[in-house]
């Protein structure tokens, strides 16, 4: 180490060594949340070399790595250690901060950027957990649980216990949910019921899928397909019935359908009423046809008058003869 590195080491390392880690560091529960300790290693060519316990008078009291564990007590001068070979792990609650080199450790402990990131992540996780705890843990139907377990089996991560099923359905956040215990019991009951019906088997306290699981899923999907087809047919019949009712009502004259295509203007035709005003009674005529009709009416009227006159003359002559 150079002079600056020695000053940094003499400043930071003694304070760090006041908070040594136990042999087993708790990483869960209340004890894991309270963890705040450091472990200092010295590597040699990226291989484990020393674990540091104290720094006294420029000498490091360590245990040397023997190939299986750190068990050989040794003392090493601080000046003989390269600053880049020092690795420091800070166990901070459930988080860990890894420092590679003395300078990296000095910067991290000075500006505290890694710890700001840890606290930000904790805040986000706390908010996420809060809203997750407000939600109800919804239990899937038996067939949905079977599908989920089959999919996990195909993905290479089979479900073998209610805990695995809880984690797969709700993520690890279920551990802090207030309804975790009732839901855990409910899922265990579902798994036991699947064992009773043959879709699962219980072996060495682990649940395993059987061939009946695939059979049950296939039967359910076939029933769902038939139900969907029946619903589609019923909807088509409903629309057909509505169409028939509407056409029947139009034919009965309950309402008038709008004209979709009018060809009267193309043929020079007009429309006129042929009698009393009745809905839907029209007759197309031409102006020439109308004139011929008028002449025909005059001709018929003249003929009728002529016949009446002839009958009157014949009746008069008969009376004269009788007299």
C-alpha atoms as a PDB file:
ATOM      1  CA  UNK A   1       0.000   0.000   0.000  1.00  0.00           C
ATOM      2  CA  UNK A   2       1.061   3.561  -0.597  1.00  0.00           C
ATOM      3  CA  UNK A   3       0.821   6.289   2.025  1.00  0.00           C
ATOM      4  CA  UNK A   4      -2.683   7.428   1.053  1.00  0.00           C
ATOM      5  CA  UNK A   5      -3.992   3.877   1.044  1.00  0.00           C
ATOM      6  CA  UNK A   6      -2.454   3.228   4.477  1.00  0.00           C
ATOM      7  CA  UNK A   7      -4.191   6.315   5.866  1.00  0.00           C
ATOM      8  CA  UNK A   8      -7.506   5.152   4.437  1.00  0.00           C
ATOM      9  CA  UNK A   9      -6.972   1.674   5.856  1.00  0.00           C
ATOM     10  CA  UNK A  10      -6.060   2.958   9.317  1.00  0.00           C
ATOM     11  CA  UNK A  11      -9.138   5.189   9.268  1.00  0.00           C
ATOM     12  CA  UNK A  12     -11.803   2.823   7.965  1.00  0.00           C
ATOM     13  CA  UNK A  13     -10.685  -0.691   8.917  1.00  0.00           C
ATOM     14  CA  UNK A  14     -10.619  -0.284  12.739  1.00  0.00           C
ATOM     15  CA  UNK A  15     -14.160   1.141  12.694  1.00  0.00           C
ATOM     16  CA  UNK A  16     -15.282  -1.684  10.452  1.00  0.00           C
ATOM     17  CA  UNK A  17     -13.691  -4.381  12.627  1.00  0.00           C
ATOM     18  CA  UNK A  18     -15.705  -3.154  15.633  1.00  0.00           C
ATOM     19  CA  UNK A  19     -18.781  -4.772  14.015  1.00  0.00           C
ATOM     20  CA  UNK A  20     -17.615  -8.293  13.095  1.00  0.00           C
ATOM     21  CA  UNK A  21     -20.094 -10.826  11.780  1.00  0.00           C
ATOM     22  CA  UNK A  22     -20.871 -14.043  13.662  1.00  0.00           C
ATOM     23  CA  UNK A  23     -19.985 -17.347  12.094  1.00  0.00           C
ATOM     24  CA  UNK A  24     -23.585 -17.768  10.898  1.00  0.00           C
ATOM     25  CA  UNK A  25     -25.266 -14.574   9.746  1.00  0.00           C
ATOM     26  CA  UNK A  26     -29.099 -14.656  10.060  1.00  0.00           C
ATOM     27  CA  UNK A  27     -30.757 -13.732   6.764  1.00  0.00           C
ATOM     28  CA  UNK A  28     -34.431 -13.955   7.658  1.00  0.00           C
ATOM     29  CA  UNK A  29     -36.886 -13.084  10.389  1.00  0.00           C
ATOM     30  CA  UNK A  30     -36.467 -10.403  12.999  1.00  0.00           C
ATOM     31  CA  UNK A  31     -32.816 -11.318  13.596  1.00  0.00           C
ATOM     32  CA  UNK A  32     -32.017 -10.942   9.901  1.00  0.00           C
ATOM     33  CA  UNK A  33     -33.663  -7.515   9.782  1.00  0.00           C
ATOM     34  CA  UNK A  34     -31.378  -6.283  12.600  1.00  0.00           C
ATOM     35  CA  UNK A  35     -28.098  -7.505  11.101  1.00  0.00           C
ATOM     36  CA  UNK A  36     -25.398  -4.813  10.673  1.00  0.00           C
ATOM     37  CA  UNK A  37     -21.935  -6.345  10.497  1.00  0.00           C
ATOM     38  CA  UNK A  38     -18.814  -6.530   8.291  1.00  0.00           C
ATOM     39  CA  UNK A  39     -16.594  -9.318   7.043  1.00  0.00           C
ATOM     40  CA  UNK A  40     -13.132  -8.435   5.677  1.00  0.00           C
ATOM     41  CA  UNK A  41     -11.279 -10.789   3.356  1.00  0.00           C
ATOM     42  CA  UNK A  42      -7.897 -10.626   1.692  1.00  0.00           C
ATOM     43  CA  UNK A  43      -7.647 -12.494  -1.602  1.00  0.00           C
ATOM     44  CA  UNK A  44      -4.613 -13.681  -3.469  1.00  0.00           C
ATOM     45  CA  UNK A  45      -5.003 -13.922  -7.247  1.00  0.00           C
ATOM     46  CA  UNK A  46      -8.826 -14.004  -6.806  1.00  0.00           C
ATOM     47  CA  UNK A  47      -8.560 -16.982  -4.451  1.00  0.00           C
ATOM     48  CA  UNK A  48      -9.443 -16.916  -0.730  1.00  0.00           C
ATOM     49  CA  UNK A  49      -6.408 -16.103   1.408  1.00  0.00           C
ATOM     50  CA  UNK A  50      -7.193 -14.410   4.729  1.00  0.00           C
ATOM     51  CA  UNK A  51     -10.125 -13.396   6.891  1.00  0.00           C
ATOM     52  CA  UNK A  52      -9.259 -10.380   9.040  1.00  0.00           C
ATOM     53  CA  UNK A  53     -10.255 -10.117  12.714  1.00  0.00           C
ATOM     54  CA  UNK A  54      -8.322  -7.193  14.187  1.00  0.00           C
ATOM     55  CA  UNK A  55      -5.874  -4.447  13.237  1.00  0.00           C
ATOM     56  CA  UNK A  56      -3.309  -3.551  15.887  1.00  0.00           C
ATOM     57  CA  UNK A  57      -0.189  -1.475  15.350  1.00  0.00           C
ATOM     58  CA  UNK A  58      -0.217  -1.951  11.611  1.00  0.00           C
ATOM     59  CA  UNK A  59      -0.542  -5.724  11.915  1.00  0.00           C
ATOM     60  CA  UNK A  60      -3.571  -7.709  10.801  1.00  0.00           C
ATOM     61  CA  UNK A  61      -4.598 -10.682  12.916  1.00  0.00           C
ATOM     62  CA  UNK A  62      -6.169 -13.162  10.528  1.00  0.00           C
ATOM     63  CA  UNK A  63      -7.019 -16.767   9.828  1.00  0.00           C
ATOM     64  CA  UNK A  64      -5.604 -18.254   6.649  1.00  0.00           C
ATOM     65  CA  UNK A  65      -7.592 -20.352   4.209  1.00  0.00           C
ATOM     66  CA  UNK A  66      -6.500 -24.000   4.299  1.00  0.00           C
ATOM     67  CA  UNK A  67      -8.587 -25.265   1.428  1.00  0.00           C
ATOM     68  CA  UNK A  68     -11.680 -26.125   3.481  1.00  0.00           C
ATOM     69  CA  UNK A  69     -12.053 -23.198   5.865  1.00  0.00           C
ATOM     70  CA  UNK A  70     -10.250 -20.277   7.510  1.00  0.00           C
ATOM     71  CA  UNK A  71      -8.519 -21.993  10.456  1.00  0.00           C
ATOM     72  CA  UNK A  72      -4.770 -21.188  10.484  1.00  0.00           C
ATOM     73  CA  UNK A  73      -3.950 -18.120  12.682  1.00  0.00           C
ATOM     74  CA  UNK A  74      -1.484 -15.713  11.060  1.00  0.00           C
ATOM     75  CA  UNK A  75      -0.343 -12.111  11.371  1.00  0.00           C
ATOM     76  CA  UNK A  76       0.302  -9.998   8.284  1.00  0.00           C
ATOM     77  CA  UNK A  77       1.632  -6.456   8.037  1.00  0.00           C
ATOM     78  CA  UNK A  78      -0.967  -4.062   6.635  1.00  0.00           C
ATOM     79  CA  UNK A  79       1.648  -2.450   4.394  1.00  0.00           C
ATOM     80  CA  UNK A  80       2.277  -5.804   2.705  1.00  0.00           C
ATOM     81  CA  UNK A  81      -1.355  -6.116   1.597  1.00  0.00           C
ATOM     82  CA  UNK A  82      -2.466  -4.712  -1.745  1.00  0.00           C
ATOM     83  CA  UNK A  83      -5.433  -2.338  -1.437  1.00  0.00           C
ATOM     84  CA  UNK A  84      -7.121  -4.013  -4.414  1.00  0.00           C
ATOM     85  CA  UNK A  85      -6.963  -7.445  -2.753  1.00  0.00           C
ATOM     86  CA  UNK A  86      -9.181  -6.388   0.144  1.00  0.00           C
ATOM     87  CA  UNK A  87     -12.821  -7.453  -0.133  1.00  0.00           C
ATOM     88  CA  UNK A  88     -15.393  -6.263   2.357  1.00  0.00           C
ATOM     89  CA  UNK A  89     -18.977  -7.500   2.719  1.00  0.00           C
ATOM     90  CA  UNK A  90     -21.458  -5.429   4.693  1.00  0.00           C
ATOM     91  CA  UNK A  91     -24.505  -7.387   5.837  1.00  0.00           C
ATOM     92  CA  UNK A  92     -27.087  -4.636   6.273  1.00  0.00           C
ATOM     93  CA  UNK A  93     -30.461  -5.996   7.282  1.00  0.00           C
ATOM     94  CA  UNK A  94     -31.655  -8.300   4.527  1.00  0.00           C
ATOM     95  CA  UNK A  95     -29.338  -6.566   2.079  1.00  0.00           C
ATOM     96  CA  UNK A  96     -25.672  -7.048   1.303  1.00  0.00           C
ATOM     97  CA  UNK A  97     -23.131  -4.534   0.028  1.00  0.00           C
ATOM     98  CA  UNK A  98     -20.020  -5.933  -1.640  1.00  0.00           C
ATOM     99  CA  UNK A  99     -16.894  -3.765  -1.851  1.00  0.00           C
ATOM    100  CA  UNK A 100     -13.942  -4.704  -4.011  1.00  0.00           C
ATOM    101  CA  UNK A 101     -10.840  -2.818  -2.977  1.00  0.00           C
ATOM    102  CA  UNK A 102     -10.091  -0.352  -0.225  1.00  0.00           C
ATOM    103  CA  UNK A 103     -10.846   2.715  -2.342  1.00  0.00           C
ATOM    104  CA  UNK A 104     -14.269   1.354  -3.297  1.00  0.00           C
ATOM    105  CA  UNK A 105     -15.032   0.792   0.384  1.00  0.00           C
ATOM    106  CA  UNK A 106     -13.889   4.299   1.314  1.00  0.00           C
ATOM    107  CA  UNK A 107     -16.089   5.892  -1.367  1.00  0.00           C
ATOM    108  CA  UNK A 108     -19.097   3.795  -0.414  1.00  0.00           C
ATOM    109  CA  UNK A 109     -18.816   4.571   3.288  1.00  0.00           C
ATOM    110  CA  UNK A 110     -18.269   8.264   2.579  1.00  0.00           C
ATOM    111  CA  UNK A 111     -21.067   8.999   0.114  1.00  0.00           C
ATOM    112  CA  UNK A 112     -23.374   6.151   1.256  1.00  0.00           C
ATOM    113  CA  UNK A 113     -24.815   5.665  -2.230  1.00  0.00           C
ATOM    114  CA  UNK A 114     -25.265   1.883  -1.854  1.00  0.00           C
ATOM    115  CA  UNK A 115     -27.249   2.438   1.336  1.00  0.00           C
ATOM    116  CA  UNK A 116     -29.469   5.057  -0.281  1.00  0.00           C
ATOM    117  CA  UNK A 117     -30.293   2.466  -2.931  1.00  0.00           C
ATOM    118  CA  UNK A 118     -31.060  -0.136  -0.252  1.00  0.00           C
ATOM    119  CA  UNK A 119     -33.416   2.224   1.579  1.00  0.00           C
ATOM    120  CA  UNK A 120     -35.147   3.166  -1.672  1.00  0.00           C
ATOM    121  CA  UNK A 121     -35.686  -0.473  -2.543  1.00  0.00           C
ATOM    122  CA  UNK A 122     -36.985  -1.146   0.950  1.00  0.00           C
ATOM    123  CA  UNK A 123     -39.448   1.741   0.686  1.00  0.00           C
ATOM    124  CA  UNK A 124     -40.746   0.496  -2.673  1.00  0.00           C
ATOM    125  CA  UNK A 125     -41.050  -3.052  -1.331  1.00  0.00           C
ATOM    126  CA  UNK A 126     -42.853  -1.814   1.786  1.00  0.00           C
ATOM    127  CA  UNK A 127     -45.417   0.067  -0.324  1.00  0.00           C
ATOM    128  CA  UNK A 128     -45.833  -2.946  -2.593  1.00  0.00           C
ATOM    129  CA  UNK A 129     -46.270  -5.248   0.394  1.00  0.00           C
ATOM    130  CA  UNK A 130     -48.812  -2.858   1.929  1.00  0.00           C
ATOM    131  CA  UNK A 131     -51.051  -2.947  -1.135  1.00  0.00           C
ATOM    132  CA  UNK A 132     -50.523  -6.703  -1.498  1.00  0.00           C
ATOM    133  CA  UNK A 133     -51.690  -7.224   2.089  1.00  0.00           C
ATOM    134  CA  UNK A 134     -54.853  -5.253   1.286  1.00  0.00           C
ATOM    135  CA  UNK A 135     -55.770  -7.754  -1.419  1.00  0.00           C
ATOM    136  CA  UNK A 136     -57.576 -10.967  -0.710  1.00  0.00           C
ATOM    137  CA  UNK A 137     -55.702 -14.178  -1.484  1.00  0.00           C
ATOM    138  CA  UNK A 138     -58.064 -15.650  -4.091  1.00  0.00           C
ATOM    139  CA  UNK A 139     -58.204 -19.419  -4.309  1.00  0.00           C
ATOM    140  CA  UNK A 140     -58.318 -20.866  -7.811  1.00  0.00           C
ATOM    141  CA  UNK A 141     -60.698 -23.629  -8.792  1.00  0.00           C
ATOM    142  CA  UNK A 142     -59.511 -27.225  -8.676  1.00  0.00           C
ATOM    143  CA  UNK A 143     -59.086 -27.435 -12.435  1.00  0.00           C
ATOM    144  CA  UNK A 144     -57.093 -24.168 -12.478  1.00  0.00           C
ATOM    145  CA  UNK A 145     -54.807 -25.514  -9.755  1.00  0.00           C
ATOM    146  CA  UNK A 146     -54.293 -28.673 -11.788  1.00  0.00           C
ATOM    147  CA  UNK A 147     -53.452 -26.653 -14.902  1.00  0.00           C
ATOM    148  CA  UNK A 148     -50.986 -24.544 -12.932  1.00  0.00           C
ATOM    149  CA  UNK A 149     -49.294 -27.591 -11.436  1.00  0.00           C
ATOM    150  CA  UNK A 150     -49.059 -29.308 -14.833  1.00  0.00           C
ATOM    151  CA  UNK A 151     -47.511 -26.179 -16.347  1.00  0.00           C
ATOM    152  CA  UNK A 152     -44.959 -25.959 -13.537  1.00  0.00           C
ATOM    153  CA  UNK A 153     -44.174 -29.652 -14.012  1.00  0.00           C
ATOM    154  CA  UNK A 154     -43.500 -29.034 -17.707  1.00  0.00           C
ATOM    155  CA  UNK A 155     -41.325 -26.018 -16.860  1.00  0.00           C
ATOM    156  CA  UNK A 156     -39.122 -28.176 -14.656  1.00  0.00           C
ATOM    157  CA  UNK A 157     -40.184 -26.698 -11.306  1.00  0.00           C
ATOM    158  CA  UNK A 158     -42.851 -29.068  -9.944  1.00  0.00           C
ATOM    159  CA  UNK A 159     -45.140 -28.213  -7.041  1.00  0.00           C
ATOM    160  CA  UNK A 160     -44.595 -30.628  -4.179  1.00  0.00           C
ATOM    161  CA  UNK A 161     -46.099 -28.846  -1.162  1.00  0.00           C
ATOM    162  CA  UNK A 162     -48.658 -26.178  -0.199  1.00  0.00           C
ATOM    163  CA  UNK A 163     -45.751 -23.782   0.432  1.00  0.00           C
ATOM    164  CA  UNK A 164     -44.511 -24.216  -3.134  1.00  0.00           C
ATOM    165  CA  UNK A 165     -48.047 -23.677  -4.399  1.00  0.00           C
ATOM    166  CA  UNK A 166     -48.461 -20.506  -2.307  1.00  0.00           C
ATOM    167  CA  UNK A 167     -45.168 -19.111  -3.601  1.00  0.00           C
ATOM    168  CA  UNK A 168     -46.044 -19.968  -7.196  1.00  0.00           C
ATOM    169  CA  UNK A 169     -49.491 -18.377  -6.988  1.00  0.00           C
ATOM    170  CA  UNK A 170     -48.787 -15.275  -4.889  1.00  0.00           C
ATOM    171  CA  UNK A 171     -44.945 -14.853  -4.934  1.00  0.00           C
ATOM    172  CA  UNK A 172     -42.862 -14.764  -1.764  1.00  0.00           C
ATOM    173  CA  UNK A 173     -44.883 -11.774  -0.534  1.00  0.00           C
ATOM    174  CA  UNK A 174     -47.510 -14.158   0.832  1.00  0.00           C
ATOM    175  CA  UNK A 175     -45.209 -14.756   3.827  1.00  0.00           C
ATOM    176  CA  UNK A 176     -46.124 -11.337   5.220  1.00  0.00           C
ATOM    177  CA  UNK A 177     -49.809 -11.425   4.284  1.00  0.00           C
ATOM    178  CA  UNK A 178     -52.200 -11.403   7.277  1.00  0.00           C
ATOM    179  CA  UNK A 179     -54.298 -14.236   5.756  1.00  0.00           C
ATOM    180  CA  UNK A 180     -51.387 -16.512   4.968  1.00  0.00           C
ATOM    181  CA  UNK A 181     -52.278 -19.229   7.507  1.00  0.00           C
ATOM    182  CA  UNK A 182     -55.947 -19.746   6.463  1.00  0.00           C
ATOM    183  CA  UNK A 183     -54.968 -19.701   2.801  1.00  0.00           C
ATOM    184  CA  UNK A 184     -52.159 -22.192   3.420  1.00  0.00           C
ATOM    185  CA  UNK A 185     -54.623 -24.565   5.097  1.00  0.00           C
ATOM    186  CA  UNK A 186     -57.130 -24.089   2.283  1.00  0.00           C
ATOM    187  CA  UNK A 187     -54.588 -25.014  -0.387  1.00  0.00           C
ATOM    188  CA  UNK A 188     -53.493 -28.043   1.608  1.00  0.00           C
ATOM    189  CA  UNK A 189     -57.124 -29.159   1.711  1.00  0.00           C
ATOM    190  CA  UNK A 190     -57.382 -28.725  -2.081  1.00  0.00           C
ATOM    191  CA  UNK A 191     -54.247 -30.802  -2.618  1.00  0.00           C
ATOM    192  CA  UNK A 192     -55.546 -33.527  -0.320  1.00  0.00           C
ATOM    193  CA  UNK A 193     -58.858 -33.579  -2.219  1.00  0.00           C
ATOM    194  CA  UNK A 194     -56.947 -34.024  -5.483  1.00  0.00           C
ATOM    195  CA  UNK A 195     -55.159 -36.952  -3.876  1.00  0.00           C
ATOM    196  CA  UNK A 196     -58.528 -38.490  -2.968  1.00  0.00           C
ATOM    197  CA  UNK A 197     -59.816 -38.165  -6.558  1.00  0.00           C
ATOM    198  CA  UNK A 198     -56.603 -39.587  -8.044  1.00  0.00           C
ATOM    199  CA  UNK A 199     -55.138 -36.535  -9.813  1.00  0.00           C
ATOM    200  CA  UNK A 200     -52.292 -36.386  -7.259  1.00  0.00           C
ATOM    201  CA  UNK A 201     -50.419 -38.869  -5.152  1.00  0.00           C
ATOM    202  CA  UNK A 202     -48.703 -38.227  -1.819  1.00  0.00           C
ATOM    203  CA  UNK A 203     -45.262 -39.815  -1.576  1.00  0.00           C
ATOM    204  CA  UNK A 204     -42.738 -39.020   1.160  1.00  0.00           C
ATOM    205  CA  UNK A 205     -44.828 -36.014   2.205  1.00  0.00           C
ATOM    206  CA  UNK A 206     -44.588 -34.611  -1.338  1.00  0.00           C
ATOM    207  CA  UNK A 207     -47.407 -34.207  -3.831  1.00  0.00           C
ATOM    208  CA  UNK A 208     -46.908 -35.663  -7.324  1.00  0.00           C
ATOM    209  CA  UNK A 209     -49.071 -35.451 -10.447  1.00  0.00           C
ATOM    210  CA  UNK A 210     -50.594 -38.593 -11.957  1.00  0.00           C
ATOM    211  CA  UNK A 211     -52.008 -39.392 -15.373  1.00  0.00           C
ATOM    212  CA  UNK A 212     -55.505 -38.692 -14.037  1.00  0.00           C
ATOM    213  CA  UNK A 213     -54.599 -35.006 -13.883  1.00  0.00           C
ATOM    214  CA  UNK A 214     -54.182 -34.766 -17.665  1.00  0.00           C
ATOM    215  CA  UNK A 215     -57.341 -36.813 -18.185  1.00  0.00           C
ATOM    216  CA  UNK A 216     -59.349 -34.490 -15.922  1.00  0.00           C
ATOM    217  CA  UNK A 217     -58.052 -31.412 -17.768  1.00  0.00           C
ATOM    218  CA  UNK A 218     -58.925 -32.923 -21.184  1.00  0.00           C
ATOM    219  CA  UNK A 219     -62.464 -33.813 -20.066  1.00  0.00           C
ATOM    220  CA  UNK A 220     -63.009 -30.336 -18.658  1.00  0.00           C
ATOM    221  CA  UNK A 221     -61.721 -28.630 -21.812  1.00  0.00           C
ATOM    222  CA  UNK A 222     -63.984 -30.804 -24.000  1.00  0.00           C
ATOM    223  CA  UNK A 223     -66.986 -29.857 -21.862  1.00  0.00           C
ATOM    224  CA  UNK A 224     -66.016 -26.212 -22.106  1.00  0.00           C
ATOM    225  CA  UNK A 225     -65.767 -26.481 -25.906  1.00  0.00           C
ATOM    226  CA  UNK A 226     -69.227 -28.044 -26.177  1.00  0.00           C
ATOM    227  CA  UNK A 227     -70.696 -25.420 -23.873  1.00  0.00           C
ATOM    228  CA  UNK A 228     -69.187 -22.638 -25.982  1.00  0.00           C
ATOM    229  CA  UNK A 229     -70.610 -24.160 -29.182  1.00  0.00           C
ATOM    230  CA  UNK A 230     -74.062 -24.463 -27.591  1.00  0.00           C
ATOM    231  CA  UNK A 231     -73.975 -20.831 -26.539  1.00  0.00           C
ATOM    232  CA  UNK A 232     -73.054 -19.765 -30.084  1.00  0.00           C
ATOM    233  CA  UNK A 233     -75.919 -21.828 -31.566  1.00  0.00           C
ATOM    234  CA  UNK A 234     -78.411 -20.341 -29.103  1.00  0.00           C
ATOM    235  CA  UNK A 235     -77.313 -16.826 -30.007  1.00  0.00           C
ATOM    236  CA  UNK A 236     -77.703 -17.543 -33.715  1.00  0.00           C
ATOM    237  CA  UNK A 237     -81.203 -18.952 -33.139  1.00  0.00           C
ATOM    238  CA  UNK A 238     -82.112 -15.851 -31.151  1.00  0.00           C
ATOM    239  CA  UNK A 239     -81.047 -13.497 -33.959  1.00  0.00           C
ATOM    240  CA  UNK A 240     -82.843 -15.643 -36.553  1.00  0.00           C
ATOM    241  CA  UNK A 241     -86.048 -15.518 -34.499  1.00  0.00           C
ATOM    242  CA  UNK A 242     -85.790 -11.734 -34.191  1.00  0.00           C
ATOM    243  CA  UNK A 243     -85.323 -11.411 -37.964  1.00  0.00           C
ATOM    244  CA  UNK A 244     -88.371 -13.600 -38.660  1.00  0.00           C
ATOM    245  CA  UNK A 245     -90.518 -11.555 -36.259  1.00  0.00           C
ATOM    246  CA  UNK A 246     -89.458  -8.281 -37.900  1.00  0.00           C
ATOM    247  CA  UNK A 247     -90.162  -9.545 -41.434  1.00  0.00           C
ATOM    248  CA  UNK A 248     -93.543 -10.928 -40.374  1.00  0.00           C
ATOM    249  CA  UNK A 249     -94.489  -7.599 -38.826  1.00  0.00           C
ATOM    250  CA  UNK A 250     -93.468  -5.762 -42.015  1.00  0.00           C
ATOM    251  CA  UNK A 251     -95.534  -8.124 -44.177  1.00  0.00           C
ATOM    252  CA  UNK A 252     -98.556  -7.591 -41.929  1.00  0.00           C
ATOM    253  CA  UNK A 253     -98.286  -3.838 -42.470  1.00  0.00           C
ATOM    254  CA  UNK A 254     -97.430  -2.970 -38.875  1.00  0.00           C
ATOM    255  CA  UNK A 255     -94.677  -0.718 -40.211  1.00  0.00           C
ATOM    256  CA  UNK A 256     -93.364   0.322 -43.621  1.00  0.00           C
ATOM    257  CA  UNK A 257     -89.906  -0.606 -44.775  1.00  0.00           C
ATOM    258  CA  UNK A 258     -87.968   2.184 -46.550  1.00  0.00           C
ATOM    259  CA  UNK A 259     -87.445   1.897 -50.323  1.00  0.00           C
ATOM    260  CA  UNK A 260     -83.964   0.647 -51.040  1.00  0.00           C
ATOM    261  CA  UNK A 261     -84.045   1.183 -54.871  1.00  0.00           C
ATOM    262  CA  UNK A 262     -86.478   3.397 -56.850  1.00  0.00           C
ATOM    263  CA  UNK A 263     -86.527   2.807 -60.657  1.00  0.00           C
ATOM    264  CA  UNK A 264     -89.582   4.964 -61.442  1.00  0.00           C
ATOM    265  CA  UNK A 265     -87.488   7.957 -62.508  1.00  0.00           C
ATOM    266  CA  UNK A 266     -85.444   5.789 -64.876  1.00  0.00           C
ATOM    267  CA  UNK A 267     -88.625   4.614 -66.721  1.00  0.00           C
ATOM    268  CA  UNK A 268     -90.412   7.973 -66.655  1.00  0.00           C
ATOM    269  CA  UNK A 269     -93.050   6.650 -64.283  1.00  0.00           C
ATOM    270  CA  UNK A 270     -94.973   8.469 -61.601  1.00  0.00           C
ATOM    271  CA  UNK A 271     -97.293   7.206 -58.900  1.00  0.00           C
ATOM    272  CA  UNK A 272    -100.859   8.065 -58.188  1.00  0.00           C
ATOM    273  CA  UNK A 273    -103.516   6.710 -55.879  1.00  0.00           C
ATOM    274  CA  UNK A 274    -106.160   4.435 -57.425  1.00  0.00           C
ATOM    275  CA  UNK A 275    -108.760   4.808 -54.734  1.00  0.00           C
ATOM    276  CA  UNK A 276    -109.255   5.837 -51.155  1.00  0.00           C
ATOM    277  CA  UNK A 277    -106.105   6.696 -49.214  1.00  0.00           C
ATOM    278  CA  UNK A 278    -104.883   3.303 -48.102  1.00  0.00           C
ATOM    279  CA  UNK A 279    -101.355   2.746 -46.851  1.00  0.00           C
ATOM    280  CA  UNK A 280     -99.042   1.130 -49.354  1.00  0.00           C
ATOM    281  CA  UNK A 281    -101.510   1.163 -52.344  1.00  0.00           C
ATOM    282  CA  UNK A 282     -99.865   2.853 -55.334  1.00  0.00           C
ATOM    283  CA  UNK A 283     -99.956   2.279 -59.081  1.00  0.00           C
ATOM    284  CA  UNK A 284     -97.295   3.371 -61.535  1.00  0.00           C
ATOM    285  CA  UNK A 285     -98.743   5.047 -64.726  1.00  0.00           C
ATOM    286  CA  UNK A 286     -97.448   6.954 -67.735  1.00  0.00           C
ATOM    287  CA  UNK A 287     -98.863  10.318 -68.877  1.00  0.00           C
ATOM    288  CA  UNK A 288     -99.876   8.747 -72.258  1.00  0.00           C
ATOM    289  CA  UNK A 289    -101.475   5.815 -70.483  1.00  0.00           C
ATOM    290  CA  UNK A 290    -103.435   8.259 -68.353  1.00  0.00           C
ATOM    291  CA  UNK A 291    -104.791   9.982 -71.527  1.00  0.00           C
ATOM    292  CA  UNK A 292    -105.850   6.649 -73.039  1.00  0.00           C
ATOM    293  CA  UNK A 293    -107.651   5.786 -69.847  1.00  0.00           C
ATOM    294  CA  UNK A 294    -109.595   9.047 -70.002  1.00  0.00           C
ATOM    295  CA  UNK A 295    -110.596   8.385 -73.653  1.00  0.00           C
ATOM    296  CA  UNK A 296    -111.656   4.873 -72.708  1.00  0.00           C
ATOM    297  CA  UNK A 297    -113.829   6.209 -69.901  1.00  0.00           C
ATOM    298  CA  UNK A 298    -115.511   8.724 -72.292  1.00  0.00           C
ATOM    299  CA  UNK A 299    -116.097   5.969 -74.873  1.00  0.00           C
ATOM    300  CA  UNK A 300    -117.665   3.665 -72.313  1.00  0.00           C
ATOM    301  CA  UNK A 301    -119.903   6.434 -70.981  1.00  0.00           C
ATOM    302  CA  UNK A 302    -121.063   7.333 -74.546  1.00  0.00           C
ATOM    303  CA  UNK A 303    -121.791   3.695 -75.316  1.00  0.00           C
ATOM    304  CA  UNK A 304    -123.790   3.293 -72.152  1.00  0.00           C
ATOM    305  CA  UNK A 305    -125.876   6.401 -72.938  1.00  0.00           C
ATOM    306  CA  UNK A 306    -126.533   5.101 -76.472  1.00  0.00           C
ATOM    307  CA  UNK A 307    -127.769   1.766 -75.169  1.00  0.00           C
ATOM    308  CA  UNK A 308    -130.038   3.457 -72.663  1.00  0.00           C
ATOM    309  CA  UNK A 309    -131.497   5.652 -75.414  1.00  0.00           C
ATOM    310  CA  UNK A 310    -132.135   2.639 -77.640  1.00  0.00           C
ATOM    311  CA  UNK A 311    -133.921   0.818 -74.819  1.00  0.00           C
ATOM    312  CA  UNK A 312    -136.104   3.837 -74.165  1.00  0.00           C
ATOM    313  CA  UNK A 313    -137.140   3.985 -77.874  1.00  0.00           C
ATOM    314  CA  UNK A 314    -137.931   0.275 -77.944  1.00  0.00           C
ATOM    315  CA  UNK A 315    -140.017   0.582 -74.777  1.00  0.00           C
ATOM    316  CA  UNK A 316    -141.962   3.556 -76.286  1.00  0.00           C
ATOM    317  CA  UNK A 317    -142.749   1.646 -79.529  1.00  0.00           C
ATOM    318  CA  UNK A 318    -144.061  -1.338 -77.526  1.00  0.00           C
ATOM    319  CA  UNK A 319    -146.409   0.903 -75.611  1.00  0.00           C
ATOM    320  CA  UNK A 320    -147.679   2.459 -78.844  1.00  0.00           C
ATOM    321  CA  UNK A 321    -148.430  -0.956 -80.324  1.00  0.00           C
ATOM    322  CA  UNK A 322    -150.328  -2.046 -77.269  1.00  0.00           C
ATOM    323  CA  UNK A 323    -152.534   0.971 -77.436  1.00  0.00           C
END
